[in-house]
Amino acid sequence: MFTERRKYIRFDIPLDMEFKLLNGPSEYSPGMTVNFSREGFCFETDKPDLKMNQMLELKIKHPSKEMFVPIVGEIVWKKQTKTKHVAGIHFEDIDREAKSEILDHAYNIWLEKSRY
């Protein structure tokens, strides 16, 4: 029997993003969020050298504003699919208001989809 280990629901929401090693070189790599929750998110990228426990500086495109939300997070899991590298990020630092706005937006999309 499968047991759900997650504390919070994850909302599927594709948002443009970019990331780099915290305190690393200034060049960002592109990615796309897969889902988002209160404690973190999953993203996919073409960049192959993600490592467990790496601290990243990330910027996620706000879904309803013309801005990027800065985030510091840790890679807590990773896997490779046939075409992408996928990683789970645990938030270490994120603006509370921006996180709430992203979650509200994702919840509204989920609510609309569940009505049909």
PDB file of N, CA and C in Angstrom:
ATOM      1  N   MET A   1       0.839  -1.185   0.000  1.00  0.00           N
ATOM      2  CA  MET A   1       0.000   0.000   0.000  1.00  0.00           C
ATOM      3  C   MET A   1       0.884   1.248   0.000  1.00  0.00           C
ATOM      4  N   PHE A   2       0.547   2.214  -0.835  1.00  0.00           N
ATOM      5  CA  PHE A   2       1.319   3.446  -0.970  1.00  0.00           C
ATOM      6  C   PHE A   2       0.946   4.416   0.141  1.00  0.00           C
ATOM      7  N   THR A   3       1.942   5.007   0.788  1.00  0.00           N
ATOM      8  CA  THR A   3       1.712   6.014   1.818  1.00  0.00           C
ATOM      9  C   THR A   3       2.266   7.339   1.332  1.00  0.00           C
ATOM     10  N   GLU A   4       1.436   8.363   1.357  1.00  0.00           N
ATOM     11  CA  GLU A   4       1.862   9.700   0.951  1.00  0.00           C
ATOM     12  C   GLU A   4       2.740  10.293   2.037  1.00  0.00           C
ATOM     13  N   ARG A   5       3.953  10.690   1.688  1.00  0.00           N
ATOM     14  CA  ARG A   5       4.892  11.245   2.671  1.00  0.00           C
ATOM     15  C   ARG A   5       4.883  12.756   2.687  1.00  0.00           C
ATOM     16  N   ARG A   6       4.281  13.373   1.711  1.00  0.00           N
ATOM     17  CA  ARG A   6       4.297  14.829   1.628  1.00  0.00           C
ATOM     18  C   ARG A   6       3.346  15.441   2.643  1.00  0.00           C
ATOM     19  N   LYS A   7       3.795  16.547   3.241  1.00  0.00           N
ATOM     20  CA  LYS A   7       2.963  17.264   4.208  1.00  0.00           C
ATOM     21  C   LYS A   7       1.945  18.161   3.523  1.00  0.00           C
ATOM     22  N   TYR A   8       2.279  18.661   2.335  1.00  0.00           N
ATOM     23  CA  TYR A   8       1.435  19.634   1.654  1.00  0.00           C
ATOM     24  C   TYR A   8       1.146  19.192   0.231  1.00  0.00           C
ATOM     25  N   ILE A   9      -0.017  19.558  -0.239  1.00  0.00           N
ATOM     26  CA  ILE A   9      -0.408  19.247  -1.610  1.00  0.00           C
ATOM     27  C   ILE A   9       0.511  19.984  -2.583  1.00  0.00           C
ATOM     28  N   ARG A  10       0.781  19.339  -3.706  1.00  0.00           N
ATOM     29  CA  ARG A  10       1.576  19.955  -4.764  1.00  0.00           C
ATOM     30  C   ARG A  10       0.635  20.321  -5.902  1.00  0.00           C
ATOM     31  N   PHE A  11       0.793  21.547  -6.373  1.00  0.00           N
ATOM     32  CA  PHE A  11      -0.028  22.038  -7.463  1.00  0.00           C
ATOM     33  C   PHE A  11       0.801  22.068  -8.738  1.00  0.00           C
ATOM     34  N   ASP A  12       0.297  21.416  -9.787  1.00  0.00           N
ATOM     35  CA  ASP A  12       0.982  21.448 -11.075  1.00  0.00           C
ATOM     36  C   ASP A  12       0.902  22.862 -11.629  1.00  0.00           C
ATOM     37  N   ILE A  13       2.048  23.470 -11.852  1.00  0.00           N
ATOM     38  CA  ILE A  13       2.084  24.818 -12.399  1.00  0.00           C
ATOM     39  C   ILE A  13       3.422  25.031 -13.113  1.00  0.00           C
ATOM     40  N   PRO A  14       3.376  25.153 -14.435  1.00  0.00           N
ATOM     41  CA  PRO A  14       4.611  25.410 -15.183  1.00  0.00           C
ATOM     42  C   PRO A  14       4.946  26.903 -15.177  1.00  0.00           C
ATOM     43  N   LEU A  15       6.070  27.245 -14.582  1.00  0.00           N
ATOM     44  CA  LEU A  15       6.536  28.629 -14.551  1.00  0.00           C
ATOM     45  C   LEU A  15       7.980  28.668 -15.036  1.00  0.00           C
ATOM     46  N   ASP A  16       8.283  29.638 -15.885  1.00  0.00           N
ATOM     47  CA  ASP A  16       9.668  29.824 -16.312  1.00  0.00           C
ATOM     48  C   ASP A  16      10.528  30.154 -15.103  1.00  0.00           C
ATOM     49  N   MET A  17      11.735  29.663 -15.128  1.00  0.00           N
ATOM     50  CA  MET A  17      12.657  29.924 -14.025  1.00  0.00           C
ATOM     51  C   MET A  17      14.079  29.835 -14.517  1.00  0.00           C
ATOM     52  N   GLU A  18      14.991  30.274 -13.674  1.00  0.00           N
ATOM     53  CA  GLU A  18      16.417  30.093 -13.922  1.00  0.00           C
ATOM     54  C   GLU A  18      17.105  29.886 -12.586  1.00  0.00           C
ATOM     55  N   PHE A  19      18.283  29.279 -12.632  1.00  0.00           N
ATOM     56  CA  PHE A  19      18.967  28.919 -11.395  1.00  0.00           C
ATOM     57  C   PHE A  19      20.472  28.893 -11.609  1.00  0.00           C
ATOM     58  N   LYS A  20      21.180  28.991 -10.484  1.00  0.00           N
ATOM     59  CA  LYS A  20      22.636  28.850 -10.480  1.00  0.00           C
ATOM     60  C   LYS A  20      23.044  28.417  -9.082  1.00  0.00           C
ATOM     61  N   LEU A  21      24.277  27.973  -8.949  1.00  0.00           N
ATOM     62  CA  LEU A  21      24.796  27.630  -7.628  1.00  0.00           C
ATOM     63  C   LEU A  21      24.815  28.873  -6.751  1.00  0.00           C
ATOM     64  N   LEU A  22      24.409  28.725  -5.514  1.00  0.00           N
ATOM     65  CA  LEU A  22      24.469  29.836  -4.572  1.00  0.00           C
ATOM     66  C   LEU A  22      25.926  30.257  -4.426  1.00  0.00           C
ATOM     67  N   ASN A  23      26.191  31.522  -4.559  1.00  0.00           N
ATOM     68  CA  ASN A  23      27.544  32.080  -4.494  1.00  0.00           C
ATOM     69  C   ASN A  23      28.464  31.518  -5.572  1.00  0.00           C
ATOM     70  N   GLY A  24      27.878  31.009  -6.651  1.00  0.00           N
ATOM     71  CA  GLY A  24      28.666  30.472  -7.745  1.00  0.00           C
ATOM     72  C   GLY A  24      28.816  31.493  -8.858  1.00  0.00           C
ATOM     73  N   PRO A  25      29.250  31.045 -10.018  1.00  0.00           N
ATOM     74  CA  PRO A  25      29.370  31.951 -11.163  1.00  0.00           C
ATOM     75  C   PRO A  25      28.033  32.631 -11.451  1.00  0.00           C
ATOM     76  N   SER A  26      28.091  33.772 -12.101  1.00  0.00           N
ATOM     77  CA  SER A  26      26.889  34.580 -12.271  1.00  0.00           C
ATOM     78  C   SER A  26      25.968  34.110 -13.395  1.00  0.00           C
ATOM     79  N   GLU A  27      26.344  33.089 -14.144  1.00  0.00           N
ATOM     80  CA  GLU A  27      25.533  32.625 -15.260  1.00  0.00           C
ATOM     81  C   GLU A  27      24.403  31.706 -14.779  1.00  0.00           C
ATOM     82  N   TYR A  28      23.184  32.062 -15.150  1.00  0.00           N
ATOM     83  CA  TYR A  28      22.009  31.264 -14.792  1.00  0.00           C
ATOM     84  C   TYR A  28      21.703  30.256 -15.892  1.00  0.00           C
ATOM     85  N   SER A  29      21.107  29.116 -15.494  1.00  0.00           N
ATOM     86  CA  SER A  29      20.635  28.104 -16.434  1.00  0.00           C
ATOM     87  C   SER A  29      19.110  28.123 -16.421  1.00  0.00           C
ATOM     88  N   PRO A  30      18.482  27.865 -17.580  1.00  0.00           N
ATOM     89  CA  PRO A  30      17.022  27.892 -17.626  1.00  0.00           C
ATOM     90  C   PRO A  30      16.395  26.605 -17.103  1.00  0.00           C
ATOM     91  N   GLY A  31      15.150  26.732 -16.675  1.00  0.00           N
ATOM     92  CA  GLY A  31      14.378  25.584 -16.227  1.00  0.00           C
ATOM     93  C   GLY A  31      12.900  25.920 -16.261  1.00  0.00           C
ATOM     94  N   MET A  32      12.084  24.947 -15.848  1.00  0.00           N
ATOM     95  CA  MET A  32      10.644  25.127 -15.797  1.00  0.00           C
ATOM     96  C   MET A  32      10.116  24.375 -14.574  1.00  0.00           C
ATOM     97  N   THR A  33       9.302  25.064 -13.773  1.00  0.00           N
ATOM     98  CA  THR A  33       8.713  24.367 -12.636  1.00  0.00           C
ATOM     99  C   THR A  33       7.726  23.326 -13.147  1.00  0.00           C
ATOM    100  N   VAL A  34       7.593  22.246 -12.384  1.00  0.00           N
ATOM    101  CA  VAL A  34       6.618  21.199 -12.673  1.00  0.00           C
ATOM    102  C   VAL A  34       5.454  21.338 -11.696  1.00  0.00           C
ATOM    103  N   ASN A  35       5.794  21.522 -10.426  1.00  0.00           N
ATOM    104  CA  ASN A  35       4.779  21.729  -9.407  1.00  0.00           C
ATOM    105  C   ASN A  35       5.331  22.598  -8.292  1.00  0.00           C
ATOM    106  N   PHE A  36       4.443  23.024  -7.400  1.00  0.00           N
ATOM    107  CA  PHE A  36       4.802  24.001  -6.369  1.00  0.00           C
ATOM    108  C   PHE A  36       4.006  23.676  -5.120  1.00  0.00           C
ATOM    109  N   SER A  37       4.641  23.784  -3.942  1.00  0.00           N
ATOM    110  CA  SER A  37       3.942  23.549  -2.671  1.00  0.00           C
ATOM    111  C   SER A  37       4.417  24.576  -1.640  1.00  0.00           C
ATOM    112  N   ARG A  38       3.930  24.442  -0.424  1.00  0.00           N
ATOM    113  CA  ARG A  38       4.292  25.376   0.644  1.00  0.00           C
ATOM    114  C   ARG A  38       5.769  25.281   1.027  1.00  0.00           C
ATOM    115  N   GLU A  39       6.383  24.108   0.842  1.00  0.00           N
ATOM    116  CA  GLU A  39       7.764  23.915   1.290  1.00  0.00           C
ATOM    117  C   GLU A  39       8.784  23.842   0.174  1.00  0.00           C
ATOM    118  N   GLY A  40       8.314  23.759  -1.077  1.00  0.00           N
ATOM    119  CA  GLY A  40       9.275  23.635  -2.164  1.00  0.00           C
ATOM    120  C   GLY A  40       8.602  23.431  -3.495  1.00  0.00           C
ATOM    121  N   PHE A  41       9.390  23.018  -4.467  1.00  0.00           N
ATOM    122  CA  PHE A  41       8.855  22.779  -5.800  1.00  0.00           C
ATOM    123  C   PHE A  41       9.749  21.803  -6.550  1.00  0.00           C
ATOM    124  N   CYS A  42       9.214  21.301  -7.641  1.00  0.00           N
ATOM    125  CA  CYS A  42       9.944  20.424  -8.543  1.00  0.00           C
ATOM    126  C   CYS A  42      10.175  21.192  -9.829  1.00  0.00           C
ATOM    127  N   PHE A  43      11.352  21.023 -10.428  1.00  0.00           N
ATOM    128  CA  PHE A  43      11.615  21.658 -11.711  1.00  0.00           C
ATOM    129  C   PHE A  43      12.389  20.724 -12.616  1.00  0.00           C
ATOM    130  N   GLU A  44      12.325  21.054 -13.912  1.00  0.00           N
ATOM    131  CA  GLU A  44      13.086  20.282 -14.892  1.00  0.00           C
ATOM    132  C   GLU A  44      13.982  21.215 -15.682  1.00  0.00           C
ATOM    133  N   THR A  45      15.086  20.643 -16.151  1.00  0.00           N
ATOM    134  CA  THR A  45      16.083  21.420 -16.873  1.00  0.00           C
ATOM    135  C   THR A  45      16.868  20.499 -17.801  1.00  0.00           C
ATOM    136  N   ASP A  46      17.598  21.103 -18.712  1.00  0.00           N
ATOM    137  CA  ASP A  46      18.515  20.344 -19.563  1.00  0.00           C
ATOM    138  C   ASP A  46      19.896  20.225 -18.919  1.00  0.00           C
ATOM    139  N   LYS A  47      20.142  20.983 -17.863  1.00  0.00           N
ATOM    140  CA  LYS A  47      21.459  21.018 -17.214  1.00  0.00           C
ATOM    141  C   LYS A  47      21.706  19.700 -16.468  1.00  0.00           C
ATOM    142  N   PRO A  48      22.762  18.974 -16.824  1.00  0.00           N
ATOM    143  CA  PRO A  48      22.962  17.635 -16.276  1.00  0.00           C
ATOM    144  C   PRO A  48      23.686  17.545 -14.933  1.00  0.00           C
ATOM    145  N   ASP A  49      24.318  18.598 -14.469  1.00  0.00           N
ATOM    146  CA  ASP A  49      25.194  18.434 -13.302  1.00  0.00           C
ATOM    147  C   ASP A  49      24.574  18.891 -11.974  1.00  0.00           C
ATOM    148  N   LEU A  50      23.308  18.592 -11.752  1.00  0.00           N
ATOM    149  CA  LEU A  50      22.680  18.871 -10.460  1.00  0.00           C
ATOM    150  C   LEU A  50      23.148  17.831  -9.452  1.00  0.00           C
ATOM    151  N   LYS A  51      23.411  18.272  -8.246  1.00  0.00           N
ATOM    152  CA  LYS A  51      23.898  17.356  -7.204  1.00  0.00           C
ATOM    153  C   LYS A  51      23.038  17.492  -5.947  1.00  0.00           C
ATOM    154  N   MET A  52      22.866  16.379  -5.275  1.00  0.00           N
ATOM    155  CA  MET A  52      22.110  16.369  -4.015  1.00  0.00           C
ATOM    156  C   MET A  52      22.710  17.363  -3.026  1.00  0.00           C
ATOM    157  N   ASN A  53      21.853  18.019  -2.286  1.00  0.00           N
ATOM    158  CA  ASN A  53      22.207  18.953  -1.217  1.00  0.00           C
ATOM    159  C   ASN A  53      22.878  20.236  -1.703  1.00  0.00           C
ATOM    160  N   GLN A  54      22.947  20.455  -3.017  1.00  0.00           N
ATOM    161  CA  GLN A  54      23.469  21.726  -3.508  1.00  0.00           C
ATOM    162  C   GLN A  54      22.495  22.841  -3.139  1.00  0.00           C
ATOM    163  N   MET A  55      23.056  23.977  -2.785  1.00  0.00           N
ATOM    164  CA  MET A  55      22.249  25.157  -2.525  1.00  0.00           C
ATOM    165  C   MET A  55      22.218  25.973  -3.814  1.00  0.00           C
ATOM    166  N   LEU A  56      21.006  26.341  -4.222  1.00  0.00           N
ATOM    167  CA  LEU A  56      20.831  27.082  -5.468  1.00  0.00           C
ATOM    168  C   LEU A  56      20.198  28.445  -5.208  1.00  0.00           C
ATOM    169  N   GLU A  57      20.550  29.370  -6.065  1.00  0.00           N
ATOM    170  CA  GLU A  57      19.867  30.655  -6.146  1.00  0.00           C
ATOM    171  C   GLU A  57      18.959  30.538  -7.360  1.00  0.00           C
ATOM    172  N   LEU A  58      17.655  30.722  -7.144  1.00  0.00           N
ATOM    173  CA  LEU A  58      16.687  30.523  -8.211  1.00  0.00           C
ATOM    174  C   LEU A  58      15.856  31.778  -8.406  1.00  0.00           C
ATOM    175  N   LYS A  59      15.336  31.932  -9.612  1.00  0.00           N
ATOM    176  CA  LYS A  59      14.412  33.021  -9.907  1.00  0.00           C
ATOM    177  C   LYS A  59      13.248  32.422 -10.684  1.00  0.00           C
ATOM    178  N   ILE A  60      12.037  32.528 -10.103  1.00  0.00           N
ATOM    179  CA  ILE A  60      10.841  31.979 -10.742  1.00  0.00           C
ATOM    180  C   ILE A  60       9.993  33.128 -11.254  1.00  0.00           C
ATOM    181  N   LYS A  61       9.509  33.004 -12.486  1.00  0.00           N
ATOM    182  CA  LYS A  61       8.641  34.023 -13.070  1.00  0.00           C
ATOM    183  C   LYS A  61       7.315  34.048 -12.315  1.00  0.00           C
ATOM    184  N   HIS A  62       6.976  35.198 -11.757  1.00  0.00           N
ATOM    185  CA  HIS A  62       5.705  35.363 -11.044  1.00  0.00           C
ATOM    186  C   HIS A  62       4.571  35.142 -12.039  1.00  0.00           C
ATOM    187  N   PRO A  63       3.540  34.375 -11.683  1.00  0.00           N
ATOM    188  CA  PRO A  63       2.488  34.050 -12.656  1.00  0.00           C
ATOM    189  C   PRO A  63       1.577  35.213 -13.030  1.00  0.00           C
ATOM    190  N   SER A  64       1.518  36.261 -12.221  1.00  0.00           N
ATOM    191  CA  SER A  64       0.592  37.348 -12.545  1.00  0.00           C
ATOM    192  C   SER A  64       1.231  38.733 -12.506  1.00  0.00           C
ATOM    193  N   LYS A  65       2.543  38.789 -12.366  1.00  0.00           N
ATOM    194  CA  LYS A  65       3.254  40.062 -12.367  1.00  0.00           C
ATOM    195  C   LYS A  65       4.473  39.952 -13.277  1.00  0.00           C
ATOM    196  N   GLU A  66       4.924  41.063 -13.771  1.00  0.00           N
ATOM    197  CA  GLU A  66       6.120  41.086 -14.620  1.00  0.00           C
ATOM    198  C   GLU A  66       7.364  41.176 -13.737  1.00  0.00           C
ATOM    199  N   MET A  67       7.647  40.083 -13.041  1.00  0.00           N
ATOM    200  CA  MET A  67       8.806  40.051 -12.152  1.00  0.00           C
ATOM    201  C   MET A  67       9.211  38.603 -11.907  1.00  0.00           C
ATOM    202  N   PHE A  68      10.435  38.441 -11.448  1.00  0.00           N
ATOM    203  CA  PHE A  68      10.924  37.129 -11.025  1.00  0.00           C
ATOM    204  C   PHE A  68      11.034  37.131  -9.501  1.00  0.00           C
ATOM    205  N   VAL A  69      10.654  36.017  -8.882  1.00  0.00           N
ATOM    206  CA  VAL A  69      10.719  35.862  -7.433  1.00  0.00           C
ATOM    207  C   VAL A  69      12.049  35.200  -7.090  1.00  0.00           C
ATOM    208  N   PRO A  70      12.905  35.872  -6.285  1.00  0.00           N
ATOM    209  CA  PRO A  70      14.175  35.256  -5.891  1.00  0.00           C
ATOM    210  C   PRO A  70      13.952  34.211  -4.791  1.00  0.00           C
ATOM    211  N   ILE A  71      14.645  33.097  -4.921  1.00  0.00           N
ATOM    212  CA  ILE A  71      14.509  31.986  -3.971  1.00  0.00           C
ATOM    213  C   ILE A  71      15.892  31.402  -3.717  1.00  0.00           C
ATOM    214  N   VAL A  72      16.142  30.987  -2.497  1.00  0.00           N
ATOM    215  CA  VAL A  72      17.290  30.152  -2.174  1.00  0.00           C
ATOM    216  C   VAL A  72      16.722  28.815  -1.742  1.00  0.00           C
ATOM    217  N   GLY A  73      17.238  27.729  -2.331  1.00  0.00           N
ATOM    218  CA  GLY A  73      16.725  26.411  -2.016  1.00  0.00           C
ATOM    219  C   GLY A  73      17.786  25.346  -2.134  1.00  0.00           C
ATOM    220  N   GLU A  74      17.473  24.206  -1.557  1.00  0.00           N
ATOM    221  CA  GLU A  74      18.387  23.065  -1.545  1.00  0.00           C
ATOM    222  C   GLU A  74      17.804  21.927  -2.372  1.00  0.00           C
ATOM    223  N   ILE A  75      18.644  21.283  -3.172  1.00  0.00           N
ATOM    224  CA  ILE A  75      18.214  20.101  -3.917  1.00  0.00           C
ATOM    225  C   ILE A  75      18.076  18.941  -2.933  1.00  0.00           C
ATOM    226  N   VAL A  76      16.839  18.423  -2.804  1.00  0.00           N
ATOM    227  CA  VAL A  76      16.593  17.342  -1.848  1.00  0.00           C
ATOM    228  C   VAL A  76      16.352  16.001  -2.534  1.00  0.00           C
ATOM    229  N   TRP A  77      16.112  16.010  -3.817  1.00  0.00           N
ATOM    230  CA  TRP A  77      16.068  14.787  -4.618  1.00  0.00           C
ATOM    231  C   TRP A  77      16.291  15.164  -6.075  1.00  0.00           C
ATOM    232  N   LYS A  78      16.687  14.177  -6.860  1.00  0.00           N
ATOM    233  CA  LYS A  78      16.895  14.407  -8.289  1.00  0.00           C
ATOM    234  C   LYS A  78      16.747  13.097  -9.035  1.00  0.00           C
ATOM    235  N   LYS A  79      16.379  13.208 -10.302  1.00  0.00           N
ATOM    236  CA  LYS A  79      16.302  12.033 -11.171  1.00  0.00           C
ATOM    237  C   LYS A  79      16.461  12.491 -12.607  1.00  0.00           C
ATOM    238  N   GLN A  80      16.714  11.542 -13.465  1.00  0.00           N
ATOM    239  CA  GLN A  80      16.856  11.844 -14.886  1.00  0.00           C
ATOM    240  C   GLN A  80      15.763  11.095 -15.640  1.00  0.00           C
ATOM    241  N   THR A  81      15.063  11.798 -16.528  1.00  0.00           N
ATOM    242  CA  THR A  81      14.108  11.150 -17.414  1.00  0.00           C
ATOM    243  C   THR A  81      14.817  10.944 -18.751  1.00  0.00           C
ATOM    244  N   LYS A  82      14.085  10.497 -19.740  1.00  0.00           N
ATOM    245  CA  LYS A  82      14.697  10.292 -21.059  1.00  0.00           C
ATOM    246  C   LYS A  82      15.185  11.599 -21.668  1.00  0.00           C
ATOM    247  N   THR A  83      14.519  12.709 -21.346  1.00  0.00           N
ATOM    248  CA  THR A  83      14.852  13.968 -22.012  1.00  0.00           C
ATOM    249  C   THR A  83      15.263  15.096 -21.080  1.00  0.00           C
ATOM    250  N   LYS A  84      15.009  14.991 -19.787  1.00  0.00           N
ATOM    251  CA  LYS A  84      15.259  16.101 -18.856  1.00  0.00           C
ATOM    252  C   LYS A  84      15.890  15.613 -17.558  1.00  0.00           C
ATOM    253  N   HIS A  85      16.437  16.559 -16.827  1.00  0.00           N
ATOM    254  CA  HIS A  85      16.890  16.335 -15.467  1.00  0.00           C
ATOM    255  C   HIS A  85      15.860  17.009 -14.571  1.00  0.00           C
ATOM    256  N   VAL A  86      15.416  16.289 -13.551  1.00  0.00           N
ATOM    257  CA  VAL A  86      14.345  16.771 -12.679  1.00  0.00           C
ATOM    258  C   VAL A  86      14.873  16.805 -11.253  1.00  0.00           C
ATOM    259  N   ALA A  87      14.525  17.870 -10.507  1.00  0.00           N
ATOM    260  CA  ALA A  87      15.008  17.999  -9.128  1.00  0.00           C
ATOM    261  C   ALA A  87      13.925  18.585  -8.243  1.00  0.00           C
ATOM    262  N   GLY A  88      13.973  18.193  -6.975  1.00  0.00           N
ATOM    263  CA  GLY A  88      13.088  18.741  -5.961  1.00  0.00           C
ATOM    264  C   GLY A  88      13.849  19.742  -5.119  1.00  0.00           C
ATOM    265  N   ILE A  89      13.246  20.902  -4.901  1.00  0.00           N
ATOM    266  CA  ILE A  89      13.863  21.983  -4.136  1.00  0.00           C
ATOM    267  C   ILE A  89      13.091  22.211  -2.845  1.00  0.00           C
ATOM    268  N   HIS A  90      13.809  22.309  -1.751  1.00  0.00           N
ATOM    269  CA  HIS A  90      13.228  22.712  -0.468  1.00  0.00           C
ATOM    270  C   HIS A  90      13.588  24.171  -0.244  1.00  0.00           C
ATOM    271  N   PHE A  91      12.568  25.002   0.052  1.00  0.00           N
ATOM    272  CA  PHE A  91      12.819  26.417   0.269  1.00  0.00           C
ATOM    273  C   PHE A  91      13.691  26.652   1.492  1.00  0.00           C
ATOM    274  N   GLU A  92      14.696  27.476   1.335  1.00  0.00           N
ATOM    275  CA  GLU A  92      15.480  27.980   2.447  1.00  0.00           C
ATOM    276  C   GLU A  92      15.143  29.448   2.681  1.00  0.00           C
ATOM    277  N   ASP A  93      14.859  30.170   1.572  1.00  0.00           N
ATOM    278  CA  ASP A  93      14.508  31.582   1.667  1.00  0.00           C
ATOM    279  C   ASP A  93      13.647  31.958   0.473  1.00  0.00           C
ATOM    280  N   ILE A  94      12.448  32.496   0.765  1.00  0.00           N
ATOM    281  CA  ILE A  94      11.543  32.968  -0.278  1.00  0.00           C
ATOM    282  C   ILE A  94      10.650  34.029   0.343  1.00  0.00           C
ATOM    283  N   ASP A  95      10.326  35.052  -0.424  1.00  0.00           N
ATOM    284  CA  ASP A  95       9.423  36.097   0.033  1.00  0.00           C
ATOM    285  C   ASP A  95       8.052  35.473   0.321  1.00  0.00           C
ATOM    286  N   ARG A  96       7.555  35.658   1.536  1.00  0.00           N
ATOM    287  CA  ARG A  96       6.296  35.028   1.948  1.00  0.00           C
ATOM    288  C   ARG A  96       5.112  35.479   1.100  1.00  0.00           C
ATOM    289  N   GLU A  97       5.068  36.760   0.791  1.00  0.00           N
ATOM    290  CA  GLU A  97       3.952  37.277  -0.001  1.00  0.00           C
ATOM    291  C   GLU A  97       3.960  36.697  -1.415  1.00  0.00           C
ATOM    292  N   ALA A  98       5.137  36.658  -2.024  1.00  0.00           N
ATOM    293  CA  ALA A  98       5.247  36.102  -3.380  1.00  0.00           C
ATOM    294  C   ALA A  98       4.890  34.617  -3.379  1.00  0.00           C
ATOM    295  N   LYS A  99       5.343  33.875  -2.385  1.00  0.00           N
ATOM    296  CA  LYS A  99       5.013  32.448  -2.295  1.00  0.00           C
ATOM    297  C   LYS A  99       3.503  32.272  -2.173  1.00  0.00           C
ATOM    298  N   SER A 100       2.872  33.080  -1.360  1.00  0.00           N
ATOM    299  CA  SER A 100       1.427  33.019  -1.181  1.00  0.00           C
ATOM    300  C   SER A 100       0.691  33.328  -2.489  1.00  0.00           C
ATOM    301  N   GLU A 101       1.187  34.311  -3.231  1.00  0.00           N
ATOM    302  CA  GLU A 101       0.558  34.666  -4.506  1.00  0.00           C
ATOM    303  C   GLU A 101       0.696  33.537  -5.531  1.00  0.00           C
ATOM    304  N   ILE A 102       1.849  32.888  -5.569  1.00  0.00           N
ATOM    305  CA  ILE A 102       2.049  31.767  -6.488  1.00  0.00           C
ATOM    306  C   ILE A 102       1.129  30.610  -6.105  1.00  0.00           C
ATOM    307  N   LEU A 103       1.052  30.305  -4.812  1.00  0.00           N
ATOM    308  CA  LEU A 103       0.181  29.222  -4.357  1.00  0.00           C
ATOM    309  C   LEU A 103      -1.285  29.540  -4.627  1.00  0.00           C
ATOM    310  N   ASP A 104      -1.698  30.780  -4.420  1.00  0.00           N
ATOM    311  CA  ASP A 104      -3.082  31.177  -4.724  1.00  0.00           C
ATOM    312  C   ASP A 104      -3.382  30.988  -6.208  1.00  0.00           C
ATOM    313  N   HIS A 105      -2.459  31.408  -7.048  1.00  0.00           N
ATOM    314  CA  HIS A 105      -2.631  31.259  -8.494  1.00  0.00           C
ATOM    315  C   HIS A 105      -2.736  29.766  -8.865  1.00  0.00           C
ATOM    316  N   ALA A 106      -1.846  28.951  -8.331  1.00  0.00           N
ATOM    317  CA  ALA A 106      -1.853  27.517  -8.616  1.00  0.00           C
ATOM    318  C   ALA A 106      -3.134  26.853  -8.099  1.00  0.00           C
ATOM    319  N   TYR A 107      -3.585  27.265  -6.929  1.00  0.00           N
ATOM    320  CA  TYR A 107      -4.817  26.712  -6.360  1.00  0.00           C
ATOM    321  C   TYR A 107      -6.015  27.046  -7.254  1.00  0.00           C
ATOM    322  N   ASN A 108      -6.074  28.274  -7.737  1.00  0.00           N
ATOM    323  CA  ASN A 108      -7.179  28.675  -8.605  1.00  0.00           C
ATOM    324  C   ASN A 108      -7.202  27.857  -9.900  1.00  0.00           C
ATOM    325  N   ILE A 109      -6.043  27.569 -10.461  1.00  0.00           N
ATOM    326  CA  ILE A 109      -5.961  26.722 -11.653  1.00  0.00           C
ATOM    327  C   ILE A 109      -6.446  25.321 -11.303  1.00  0.00           C
ATOM    328  N   TRP A 110      -5.984  24.786 -10.191  1.00  0.00           N
ATOM    329  CA  TRP A 110      -6.401  23.451  -9.746  1.00  0.00           C
ATOM    330  C   TRP A 110      -7.913  23.396  -9.548  1.00  0.00           C
ATOM    331  N   LEU A 111      -8.468  24.425  -8.926  1.00  0.00           N
ATOM    332  CA  LEU A 111      -9.904  24.493  -8.669  1.00  0.00           C
ATOM    333  C   LEU A 111     -10.694  24.501  -9.973  1.00  0.00           C
ATOM    334  N   GLU A 112     -10.242  25.276 -10.942  1.00  0.00           N
ATOM    335  CA  GLU A 112     -10.906  25.323 -12.252  1.00  0.00           C
ATOM    336  C   GLU A 112     -10.879  23.948 -12.928  1.00  0.00           C
ATOM    337  N   LYS A 113      -9.733  23.290 -12.889  1.00  0.00           N
ATOM    338  CA  LYS A 113      -9.605  21.978 -13.528  1.00  0.00           C
ATOM    339  C   LYS A 113     -10.474  20.930 -12.835  1.00  0.00           C
ATOM    340  N   SER A 114     -10.599  21.033 -11.512  1.00  0.00           N
ATOM    341  CA  SER A 114     -11.365  20.022 -10.776  1.00  0.00           C
ATOM    342  C   SER A 114     -12.869  20.168 -10.979  1.00  0.00           C
ATOM    343  N   ARG A 115     -13.306  21.293 -11.498  1.00  0.00           N
ATOM    344  CA  ARG A 115     -14.738  21.506 -11.750  1.00  0.00           C
ATOM    345  C   ARG A 115     -15.206  20.776 -13.007  1.00  0.00           C
ATOM    346  N   TYR A 116     -14.286  20.351 -13.859  1.00  0.00           N
ATOM    347  CA  TYR A 116     -14.673  19.703 -15.124  1.00  0.00           C
ATOM    348  C   TYR A 116     -14.389  18.256 -15.131  1.00  0.00           C
TER     349      TYR A 116
END
